[in-house]
Amino acid sequence: MAERASYDVGYRVGVGCAVLGAVMVLGVMVLAQRGLGRAVSVPLVLFGLAIMLAGILAGLRFKDLRVPPELQASMREVRQGQWVVNLVLITGAAVAVSVFAGAQMWNAASGEAAVQWPVLMVAAVFMLIGLIELTLYRWRPLLDEEITRRFAGEAKAWGFAAAVAGMAVSMGLMLVDLRWGVSSLLPVIAGSLWVAGLRLWWLMRRAERG
């Protein structure tokens, strides 16, 4: 019971840190739009993201451990379904946001126009969460089994191939127009994560159908 109680505390602390970090980041972004200087806003945003990331990692670590052993067999399929759907949705959202963030990345690199840092931050957060969901599933006991490891490995291989192909396209665009190439980098990264998520979803769905 003491071990179960420690898992509950760890999970709640993780969720609290994730929420606190997200609120802090959003609050600083609002204040930045109202004149808060970059010397203050950027460190605060980075600190908030660090708190949120630590909370997410803690939540993943303790989430499945809160399920009683007698229920783990019945909950495994549910957790796997939730996992792959969340991964596809998060990485898909990252692709959508990165289309707008690509132009902001060019503004940051060239200095031609003011940078909308919130757009870049949101894109970075979506991609980071997607990467965590794809790579740290083994921290969750209900997901850490042989078939999941095999499917996740194949999905990562698809994502890596998509990233290599996308980077080749980006370099080709840089030869034509540097702005196009730089602006395409974030969509390429987000797109490779989405490809991995879609491949994993397809493998899981095919396995469920037999």
C-alpha atoms as a PDB file:
ATOM      1  CA  MET A   1       0.000   0.000   0.000  1.00  0.00           C
ATOM      2  CA  ALA A   2       2.849   2.355   0.796  1.00  0.00           C
ATOM      3  CA  GLU A   3       4.320   1.742  -2.661  1.00  0.00           C
ATOM      4  CA  ARG A   4       0.933   2.400  -4.307  1.00  0.00           C
ATOM      5  CA  ALA A   5       0.590   5.613  -2.288  1.00  0.00           C
ATOM      6  CA  SER A   6       4.016   6.795  -3.461  1.00  0.00           C
ATOM      7  CA  TYR A   7       2.956   6.166  -7.074  1.00  0.00           C
ATOM      8  CA  ASP A   8      -0.202   8.221  -6.535  1.00  0.00           C
ATOM      9  CA  VAL A   9       1.801  11.101  -5.082  1.00  0.00           C
ATOM     10  CA  GLY A  10       4.302  10.980  -7.924  1.00  0.00           C
ATOM     11  CA  TYR A  11       1.541  11.023 -10.531  1.00  0.00           C
ATOM     12  CA  ARG A  12      -0.226  13.962  -8.926  1.00  0.00           C
ATOM     13  CA  VAL A  13       3.005  15.931  -8.597  1.00  0.00           C
ATOM     14  CA  GLY A  14       3.757  15.263 -12.266  1.00  0.00           C
ATOM     15  CA  VAL A  15       0.339  16.469 -13.409  1.00  0.00           C
ATOM     16  CA  GLY A  16       0.611  19.537 -11.182  1.00  0.00           C
ATOM     17  CA  CYS A  17       4.028  20.449 -12.597  1.00  0.00           C
ATOM     18  CA  ALA A  18       2.811  20.009 -16.179  1.00  0.00           C
ATOM     19  CA  VAL A  19      -0.176  22.288 -15.563  1.00  0.00           C
ATOM     20  CA  LEU A  20       1.947  24.841 -13.695  1.00  0.00           C
ATOM     21  CA  GLY A  21       4.533  24.951 -16.480  1.00  0.00           C
ATOM     22  CA  ALA A  22       1.856  25.354 -19.176  1.00  0.00           C
ATOM     23  CA  VAL A  23       0.141  28.175 -17.264  1.00  0.00           C
ATOM     24  CA  MET A  24       3.480  29.888 -16.709  1.00  0.00           C
ATOM     25  CA  VAL A  25       4.414  29.702 -20.408  1.00  0.00           C
ATOM     26  CA  LEU A  26       1.039  31.043 -21.544  1.00  0.00           C
ATOM     27  CA  GLY A  27       1.154  33.830 -18.955  1.00  0.00           C
ATOM     28  CA  VAL A  28       4.616  34.968 -20.014  1.00  0.00           C
ATOM     29  CA  MET A  29       3.544  34.929 -23.669  1.00  0.00           C
ATOM     30  CA  VAL A  30       0.613  37.210 -22.849  1.00  0.00           C
ATOM     31  CA  LEU A  31       2.869  39.558 -20.871  1.00  0.00           C
ATOM     32  CA  ALA A  32       5.410  39.561 -23.722  1.00  0.00           C
ATOM     33  CA  GLN A  33       2.715  40.839 -26.069  1.00  0.00           C
ATOM     34  CA  ARG A  34       2.115  43.688 -23.610  1.00  0.00           C
ATOM     35  CA  GLY A  35       5.697  44.857 -23.408  1.00  0.00           C
ATOM     36  CA  LEU A  36       7.593  42.425 -21.167  1.00  0.00           C
ATOM     37  CA  GLY A  37      11.222  42.502 -22.310  1.00  0.00           C
ATOM     38  CA  ARG A  38      12.884  39.523 -23.978  1.00  0.00           C
ATOM     39  CA  ALA A  39      15.619  39.500 -21.335  1.00  0.00           C
ATOM     40  CA  VAL A  40      12.955  38.483 -18.816  1.00  0.00           C
ATOM     41  CA  SER A  41      10.356  36.685 -20.943  1.00  0.00           C
ATOM     42  CA  VAL A  42      12.660  34.214 -22.713  1.00  0.00           C
ATOM     43  CA  PRO A  43      14.254  32.784 -19.501  1.00  0.00           C
ATOM     44  CA  LEU A  44      10.804  32.549 -17.902  1.00  0.00           C
ATOM     45  CA  VAL A  45       9.375  30.703 -20.913  1.00  0.00           C
ATOM     46  CA  LEU A  46      12.308  28.278 -20.916  1.00  0.00           C
ATOM     47  CA  PHE A  47      11.888  27.721 -17.181  1.00  0.00           C
ATOM     48  CA  GLY A  48       8.156  27.092 -17.642  1.00  0.00           C
ATOM     49  CA  LEU A  49       8.835  24.618 -20.456  1.00  0.00           C
ATOM     50  CA  ALA A  50      11.356  22.808 -18.244  1.00  0.00           C
ATOM     51  CA  ILE A  51       8.768  22.487 -15.452  1.00  0.00           C
ATOM     52  CA  MET A  52       6.143  21.267 -17.918  1.00  0.00           C
ATOM     53  CA  LEU A  53       8.533  18.709 -19.426  1.00  0.00           C
ATOM     54  CA  ALA A  54       9.506  17.418 -15.976  1.00  0.00           C
ATOM     55  CA  GLY A  55       5.816  17.084 -15.105  1.00  0.00           C
ATOM     56  CA  ILE A  56       5.034  15.186 -18.306  1.00  0.00           C
ATOM     57  CA  LEU A  57       7.914  12.784 -17.711  1.00  0.00           C
ATOM     58  CA  ALA A  58       6.815  12.200 -14.115  1.00  0.00           C
ATOM     59  CA  GLY A  59       3.217  11.673 -15.198  1.00  0.00           C
ATOM     60  CA  LEU A  60       4.260   9.092 -17.806  1.00  0.00           C
ATOM     61  CA  ARG A  61       6.453   7.351 -15.264  1.00  0.00           C
ATOM     62  CA  PHE A  62       3.715   6.888 -12.695  1.00  0.00           C
ATOM     63  CA  LYS A  63       0.530   6.791 -14.784  1.00  0.00           C
ATOM     64  CA  ASP A  64       0.309   3.080 -15.561  1.00  0.00           C
ATOM     65  CA  LEU A  65       1.800   2.067 -12.232  1.00  0.00           C
ATOM     66  CA  ARG A  66      -1.382   3.361 -10.591  1.00  0.00           C
ATOM     67  CA  VAL A  67      -3.402   0.557 -12.242  1.00  0.00           C
ATOM     68  CA  PRO A  68      -3.814  -2.442  -9.877  1.00  0.00           C
ATOM     69  CA  PRO A  69      -2.047  -5.582 -11.135  1.00  0.00           C
ATOM     70  CA  GLU A  70      -5.334  -7.502 -11.413  1.00  0.00           C
ATOM     71  CA  LEU A  71      -6.646  -4.907 -13.909  1.00  0.00           C
ATOM     72  CA  GLN A  72      -3.516  -4.481 -16.015  1.00  0.00           C
ATOM     73  CA  ALA A  73      -4.382  -7.228 -18.522  1.00  0.00           C
ATOM     74  CA  SER A  74      -7.769  -5.673 -19.348  1.00  0.00           C
ATOM     75  CA  MET A  75      -6.365  -2.141 -19.372  1.00  0.00           C
ATOM     76  CA  ARG A  76      -3.426  -2.862 -21.692  1.00  0.00           C
ATOM     77  CA  GLU A  77      -5.462  -2.718 -24.895  1.00  0.00           C
ATOM     78  CA  VAL A  78      -7.208   0.464 -23.740  1.00  0.00           C
ATOM     79  CA  ARG A  79      -3.897   2.179 -22.942  1.00  0.00           C
ATOM     80  CA  GLN A  80      -2.404   1.158 -26.290  1.00  0.00           C
ATOM     81  CA  GLY A  81      -5.385   2.574 -28.166  1.00  0.00           C
ATOM     82  CA  GLN A  82      -5.210   5.842 -26.222  1.00  0.00           C
ATOM     83  CA  TRP A  83      -1.474   6.055 -26.806  1.00  0.00           C
ATOM     84  CA  VAL A  84      -1.513   5.736 -30.588  1.00  0.00           C
ATOM     85  CA  VAL A  85      -4.500   8.071 -31.016  1.00  0.00           C
ATOM     86  CA  ASN A  86      -2.872  10.719 -28.810  1.00  0.00           C
ATOM     87  CA  LEU A  87       0.367  10.377 -30.754  1.00  0.00           C
ATOM     88  CA  VAL A  88      -1.346  10.866 -34.126  1.00  0.00           C
ATOM     89  CA  LEU A  89      -3.357  13.860 -32.878  1.00  0.00           C
ATOM     90  CA  ILE A  90      -0.385  15.580 -31.208  1.00  0.00           C
ATOM     91  CA  THR A  91       1.970  15.117 -34.162  1.00  0.00           C
ATOM     92  CA  GLY A  92      -0.784  16.142 -36.593  1.00  0.00           C
ATOM     93  CA  ALA A  93      -1.288  19.335 -34.604  1.00  0.00           C
ATOM     94  CA  ALA A  94       2.472  19.869 -34.682  1.00  0.00           C
ATOM     95  CA  VAL A  95       2.422  19.671 -38.483  1.00  0.00           C
ATOM     96  CA  ALA A  96      -0.402  22.232 -38.687  1.00  0.00           C
ATOM     97  CA  VAL A  97       1.341  24.686 -36.339  1.00  0.00           C
ATOM     98  CA  SER A  98       4.768  24.168 -37.938  1.00  0.00           C
ATOM     99  CA  VAL A  99       3.451  25.431 -41.283  1.00  0.00           C
ATOM    100  CA  PHE A 100       3.035  28.846 -39.662  1.00  0.00           C
ATOM    101  CA  ALA A 101       6.121  28.486 -37.466  1.00  0.00           C
ATOM    102  CA  GLY A 102       8.350  27.889 -40.505  1.00  0.00           C
ATOM    103  CA  ALA A 103       7.978  31.492 -41.624  1.00  0.00           C
ATOM    104  CA  GLN A 104       8.764  32.666 -38.087  1.00  0.00           C
ATOM    105  CA  MET A 105      11.894  30.541 -38.124  1.00  0.00           C
ATOM    106  CA  TRP A 106      13.024  32.394 -41.237  1.00  0.00           C
ATOM    107  CA  ASN A 107      12.301  35.715 -39.531  1.00  0.00           C
ATOM    108  CA  ALA A 108      14.421  34.615 -36.558  1.00  0.00           C
ATOM    109  CA  ALA A 109      17.301  33.534 -38.798  1.00  0.00           C
ATOM    110  CA  SER A 110      17.252  36.497 -41.189  1.00  0.00           C
ATOM    111  CA  GLY A 111      16.130  39.320 -38.920  1.00  0.00           C
ATOM    112  CA  GLU A 112      13.983  40.722 -41.723  1.00  0.00           C
ATOM    113  CA  ALA A 113      10.836  40.962 -39.593  1.00  0.00           C
ATOM    114  CA  ALA A 114       9.648  40.676 -36.010  1.00  0.00           C
ATOM    115  CA  VAL A 115       9.435  37.102 -34.745  1.00  0.00           C
ATOM    116  CA  GLN A 116       6.211  35.762 -33.266  1.00  0.00           C
ATOM    117  CA  TRP A 117       7.882  33.697 -30.565  1.00  0.00           C
ATOM    118  CA  PRO A 118       4.629  32.190 -29.218  1.00  0.00           C
ATOM    119  CA  VAL A 119       4.067  30.424 -32.555  1.00  0.00           C
ATOM    120  CA  LEU A 120       7.562  28.922 -32.428  1.00  0.00           C
ATOM    121  CA  MET A 121       7.125  27.927 -28.787  1.00  0.00           C
ATOM    122  CA  VAL A 122       3.794  26.210 -29.439  1.00  0.00           C
ATOM    123  CA  ALA A 123       5.256  24.288 -32.380  1.00  0.00           C
ATOM    124  CA  ALA A 124       8.245  23.251 -30.273  1.00  0.00           C
ATOM    125  CA  VAL A 125       6.007  22.061 -27.427  1.00  0.00           C
ATOM    126  CA  PHE A 126       3.823  19.958 -29.747  1.00  0.00           C
ATOM    127  CA  MET A 127       6.855  18.352 -31.362  1.00  0.00           C
ATOM    128  CA  LEU A 128       8.510  17.725 -28.004  1.00  0.00           C
ATOM    129  CA  ILE A 129       5.396  16.057 -26.587  1.00  0.00           C
ATOM    130  CA  GLY A 130       5.067  13.951 -29.745  1.00  0.00           C
ATOM    131  CA  LEU A 131       8.687  12.860 -29.452  1.00  0.00           C
ATOM    132  CA  ILE A 132       8.182  11.962 -25.786  1.00  0.00           C
ATOM    133  CA  GLU A 133       5.090   9.893 -26.601  1.00  0.00           C
ATOM    134  CA  LEU A 134       6.957   8.062 -29.364  1.00  0.00           C
ATOM    135  CA  THR A 135      10.175   7.306 -27.495  1.00  0.00           C
ATOM    136  CA  LEU A 136       9.383   7.068 -23.777  1.00  0.00           C
ATOM    137  CA  TYR A 137       6.513   4.578 -23.948  1.00  0.00           C
ATOM    138  CA  ARG A 138       8.711   2.031 -22.145  1.00  0.00           C
ATOM    139  CA  TRP A 139       8.310   4.093 -18.984  1.00  0.00           C
ATOM    140  CA  ARG A 140       4.684   2.922 -18.971  1.00  0.00           C
ATOM    141  CA  PRO A 141       4.390  -0.748 -17.949  1.00  0.00           C
ATOM    142  CA  LEU A 142       1.110  -1.337 -19.787  1.00  0.00           C
ATOM    143  CA  LEU A 143       2.773  -0.367 -23.064  1.00  0.00           C
ATOM    144  CA  ASP A 144       6.122  -2.058 -22.541  1.00  0.00           C
ATOM    145  CA  GLU A 145       5.661  -5.425 -24.233  1.00  0.00           C
ATOM    146  CA  GLU A 146       7.320  -7.215 -27.135  1.00  0.00           C
ATOM    147  CA  ILE A 147       4.767  -6.389 -29.843  1.00  0.00           C
ATOM    148  CA  THR A 148       4.687  -2.719 -28.850  1.00  0.00           C
ATOM    149  CA  ARG A 149       8.480  -2.497 -28.970  1.00  0.00           C
ATOM    150  CA  ARG A 150       8.515  -4.111 -32.405  1.00  0.00           C
ATOM    151  CA  PHE A 151       5.809  -1.821 -33.802  1.00  0.00           C
ATOM    152  CA  ALA A 152       7.403   1.271 -32.269  1.00  0.00           C
ATOM    153  CA  GLY A 153      10.769   0.344 -33.778  1.00  0.00           C
ATOM    154  CA  GLU A 154       9.218   0.023 -37.237  1.00  0.00           C
ATOM    155  CA  ALA A 155       7.368   3.320 -36.788  1.00  0.00           C
ATOM    156  CA  LYS A 156      10.606   5.086 -35.819  1.00  0.00           C
ATOM    157  CA  ALA A 157      12.286   3.653 -38.932  1.00  0.00           C
ATOM    158  CA  TRP A 158       9.496   5.111 -41.084  1.00  0.00           C
ATOM    159  CA  GLY A 159       9.831   8.437 -39.314  1.00  0.00           C
ATOM    160  CA  PHE A 160      13.588   8.467 -39.836  1.00  0.00           C
ATOM    161  CA  ALA A 161      13.182   7.697 -43.539  1.00  0.00           C
ATOM    162  CA  ALA A 162      10.630  10.512 -43.838  1.00  0.00           C
ATOM    163  CA  ALA A 163      13.012  12.895 -42.053  1.00  0.00           C
ATOM    164  CA  VAL A 164      15.911  12.014 -44.389  1.00  0.00           C
ATOM    165  CA  ALA A 165      13.715  12.468 -47.474  1.00  0.00           C
ATOM    166  CA  GLY A 166      12.341  15.740 -46.109  1.00  0.00           C
ATOM    167  CA  MET A 167      15.786  17.119 -45.304  1.00  0.00           C
ATOM    168  CA  ALA A 168      16.895  16.303 -48.841  1.00  0.00           C
ATOM    169  CA  VAL A 169      13.931  18.284 -50.157  1.00  0.00           C
ATOM    170  CA  SER A 170      14.740  21.176 -47.796  1.00  0.00           C
ATOM    171  CA  MET A 171      18.340  21.301 -49.004  1.00  0.00           C
ATOM    172  CA  GLY A 172      17.111  21.304 -52.572  1.00  0.00           C
ATOM    173  CA  LEU A 173      14.806  24.211 -51.774  1.00  0.00           C
ATOM    174  CA  MET A 174      17.722  26.091 -50.204  1.00  0.00           C
ATOM    175  CA  LEU A 175      19.533  25.916 -53.519  1.00  0.00           C
ATOM    176  CA  VAL A 176      16.531  27.519 -55.207  1.00  0.00           C
ATOM    177  CA  ASP A 177      15.576  29.988 -52.462  1.00  0.00           C
ATOM    178  CA  LEU A 178      17.160  30.038 -49.006  1.00  0.00           C
ATOM    179  CA  ARG A 179      13.937  31.273 -47.440  1.00  0.00           C
ATOM    180  CA  TRP A 180      11.936  28.320 -48.708  1.00  0.00           C
ATOM    181  CA  GLY A 181      14.516  25.870 -47.410  1.00  0.00           C
ATOM    182  CA  VAL A 182      14.745  27.355 -43.914  1.00  0.00           C
ATOM    183  CA  SER A 183      10.960  27.708 -43.657  1.00  0.00           C
ATOM    184  CA  SER A 184      10.484  24.044 -44.536  1.00  0.00           C
ATOM    185  CA  LEU A 185      12.705  22.666 -41.748  1.00  0.00           C
ATOM    186  CA  LEU A 186      10.109  22.691 -38.968  1.00  0.00           C
ATOM    187  CA  PRO A 187       7.340  21.158 -41.143  1.00  0.00           C
ATOM    188  CA  VAL A 188       9.788  18.426 -42.166  1.00  0.00           C
ATOM    189  CA  ILE A 189      10.592  17.561 -38.543  1.00  0.00           C
ATOM    190  CA  ALA A 190       6.933  17.623 -37.514  1.00  0.00           C
ATOM    191  CA  GLY A 191       5.953  15.655 -40.600  1.00  0.00           C
ATOM    192  CA  SER A 192       8.453  12.884 -39.848  1.00  0.00           C
ATOM    193  CA  LEU A 193       6.972  12.511 -36.348  1.00  0.00           C
ATOM    194  CA  TRP A 194       3.484  12.379 -37.868  1.00  0.00           C
ATOM    195  CA  VAL A 195       4.552   9.671 -40.309  1.00  0.00           C
ATOM    196  CA  ALA A 196       5.887   7.624 -37.396  1.00  0.00           C
ATOM    197  CA  GLY A 197       2.643   8.130 -35.474  1.00  0.00           C
ATOM    198  CA  LEU A 198       0.475   7.146 -38.435  1.00  0.00           C
ATOM    199  CA  ARG A 199       2.574   4.039 -39.098  1.00  0.00           C
ATOM    200  CA  LEU A 200       2.304   2.975 -35.462  1.00  0.00           C
ATOM    201  CA  TRP A 201      -1.466   3.557 -35.495  1.00  0.00           C
ATOM    202  CA  TRP A 202      -1.808   1.455 -38.657  1.00  0.00           C
ATOM    203  CA  LEU A 203       0.258  -1.411 -37.233  1.00  0.00           C
ATOM    204  CA  MET A 204      -1.748  -1.447 -34.009  1.00  0.00           C
ATOM    205  CA  ARG A 205      -5.027  -1.360 -35.894  1.00  0.00           C
ATOM    206  CA  ARG A 206      -3.976  -4.197 -38.197  1.00  0.00           C
ATOM    207  CA  ALA A 207      -2.903  -6.278 -35.190  1.00  0.00           C
ATOM    208  CA  GLU A 208      -6.291  -5.730 -33.524  1.00  0.00           C
ATOM    209  CA  ARG A 209      -8.061  -6.981 -36.656  1.00  0.00           C
ATOM    210  CA  GLY A 210      -5.871 -10.071 -36.693  1.00  0.00           C
END
